């Protein structure tokens, strides 16, 4: 009975060891997607320069925005 339990434990550990590359690949895929998402969101953020702080552009009425 103890031999069967040890054999089953060995089978579980060997299956886990064989699955490690797939688990690592899955984690790397998630981290890569996270980095791509951060890069895209950083590129899409509006600039924080002086023109972004202006609320009124003189001479162009369509440029007036309310700032709630």
C-alpha atoms as a PDB file:
ATOM      1  CA  UNK A   1       0.000   0.000   0.000  1.00  0.00           C
ATOM      2  CA  UNK A   2       2.808   2.427   0.876  1.00  0.00           C
ATOM      3  CA  UNK A   3       4.571   1.557  -2.376  1.00  0.00           C
ATOM      4  CA  UNK A   4       1.432   2.451  -4.327  1.00  0.00           C
ATOM      5  CA  UNK A   5       1.191   5.807  -2.549  1.00  0.00           C
ATOM      6  CA  UNK A   6       4.848   6.588  -3.274  1.00  0.00           C
ATOM      7  CA  UNK A   7       4.402   5.610  -6.905  1.00  0.00           C
ATOM      8  CA  UNK A   8       1.340   7.864  -7.180  1.00  0.00           C
ATOM      9  CA  UNK A   9       3.258  10.717  -5.529  1.00  0.00           C
ATOM     10  CA  UNK A  10       6.093  10.236  -8.000  1.00  0.00           C
ATOM     11  CA  UNK A  11       3.597  10.314 -10.883  1.00  0.00           C
ATOM     12  CA  UNK A  12       2.079  13.565  -9.618  1.00  0.00           C
ATOM     13  CA  UNK A  13       5.479  15.225  -9.237  1.00  0.00           C
ATOM     14  CA  UNK A  14       6.677  14.030 -12.644  1.00  0.00           C
ATOM     15  CA  UNK A  15       3.506  15.386 -14.261  1.00  0.00           C
ATOM     16  CA  UNK A  16       4.051  18.713 -12.507  1.00  0.00           C
ATOM     17  CA  UNK A  17       7.681  18.880 -13.661  1.00  0.00           C
ATOM     18  CA  UNK A  18       6.646  18.105 -17.240  1.00  0.00           C
ATOM     19  CA  UNK A  19       4.029  20.889 -17.079  1.00  0.00           C
ATOM     20  CA  UNK A  20       6.466  23.561 -15.822  1.00  0.00           C
ATOM     21  CA  UNK A  21       7.558  24.776 -19.293  1.00  0.00           C
ATOM     22  CA  UNK A  22       3.925  25.293 -20.292  1.00  0.00           C
ATOM     23  CA  UNK A  23       3.147  27.129 -17.066  1.00  0.00           C
ATOM     24  CA  UNK A  24       6.229  29.329 -17.575  1.00  0.00           C
ATOM     25  CA  UNK A  25       5.207  30.049 -21.157  1.00  0.00           C
ATOM     26  CA  UNK A  26       1.723  31.013 -20.023  1.00  0.00           C
ATOM     27  CA  UNK A  27       3.151  33.394 -17.420  1.00  0.00           C
ATOM     28  CA  UNK A  28       5.487  34.929 -20.013  1.00  0.00           C
ATOM     29  CA  UNK A  29       2.562  35.380 -22.399  1.00  0.00           C
ATOM     30  CA  UNK A  30       0.595  37.219 -19.707  1.00  0.00           C
ATOM     31  CA  UNK A  31       3.581  39.456 -18.874  1.00  0.00           C
ATOM     32  CA  UNK A  32       4.151  40.230 -22.555  1.00  0.00           C
ATOM     33  CA  UNK A  33       0.486  41.184 -22.982  1.00  0.00           C
ATOM     34  CA  UNK A  34       0.769  43.419 -19.903  1.00  0.00           C
ATOM     35  CA  UNK A  35       3.814  45.212 -21.328  1.00  0.00           C
ATOM     36  CA  UNK A  36       2.118  45.712 -24.702  1.00  0.00           C
ATOM     37  CA  UNK A  37      -1.010  47.061 -22.974  1.00  0.00           C
ATOM     38  CA  UNK A  38       1.057  49.525 -20.921  1.00  0.00           C
ATOM     39  CA  UNK A  39       2.922  50.689 -24.026  1.00  0.00           C
ATOM     40  CA  UNK A  40      -0.288  51.252 -25.969  1.00  0.00           C
ATOM     41  CA  UNK A  41      -1.989  53.044 -23.080  1.00  0.00           C
ATOM     42  CA  UNK A  42       1.079  55.242 -22.603  1.00  0.00           C
ATOM     43  CA  UNK A  43       1.078  56.187 -26.289  1.00  0.00           C
ATOM     44  CA  UNK A  44      -2.634  57.024 -26.205  1.00  0.00           C
ATOM     45  CA  UNK A  45      -2.478  59.289 -23.149  1.00  0.00           C
ATOM     46  CA  UNK A  46      -2.744  62.984 -23.910  1.00  0.00           C
ATOM     47  CA  UNK A  47       0.409  64.999 -23.590  1.00  0.00           C
ATOM     48  CA  UNK A  48       0.903  67.013 -20.428  1.00  0.00           C
ATOM     49  CA  UNK A  49       2.569  70.041 -21.952  1.00  0.00           C
ATOM     50  CA  UNK A  50       1.583  73.712 -21.806  1.00  0.00           C
ATOM     51  CA  UNK A  51      -1.003  73.487 -24.595  1.00  0.00           C
ATOM     52  CA  UNK A  52      -2.869  70.774 -22.690  1.00  0.00           C
ATOM     53  CA  UNK A  53      -3.324  73.193 -19.776  1.00  0.00           C
ATOM     54  CA  UNK A  54      -4.900  75.943 -21.885  1.00  0.00           C
ATOM     55  CA  UNK A  55      -8.679  76.209 -21.603  1.00  0.00           C
ATOM     56  CA  UNK A  56      -9.193  78.931 -24.209  1.00  0.00           C
ATOM     57  CA  UNK A  57      -7.552  79.377 -27.583  1.00  0.00           C
ATOM     58  CA  UNK A  58      -8.151  82.938 -28.671  1.00  0.00           C
ATOM     59  CA  UNK A  59      -9.734  83.325 -32.070  1.00  0.00           C
ATOM     60  CA  UNK A  60     -11.115  79.795 -32.247  1.00  0.00           C
ATOM     61  CA  UNK A  61     -14.461  79.413 -30.502  1.00  0.00           C
ATOM     62  CA  UNK A  62     -14.613  75.680 -31.165  1.00  0.00           C
ATOM     63  CA  UNK A  63     -11.505  75.159 -29.018  1.00  0.00           C
ATOM     64  CA  UNK A  64     -13.280  76.265 -25.832  1.00  0.00           C
ATOM     65  CA  UNK A  65     -13.965  73.286 -23.548  1.00  0.00           C
ATOM     66  CA  UNK A  66     -15.549  73.194 -20.148  1.00  0.00           C
ATOM     67  CA  UNK A  67     -13.306  71.780 -17.472  1.00  0.00           C
ATOM     68  CA  UNK A  68     -15.444  70.160 -14.793  1.00  0.00           C
END
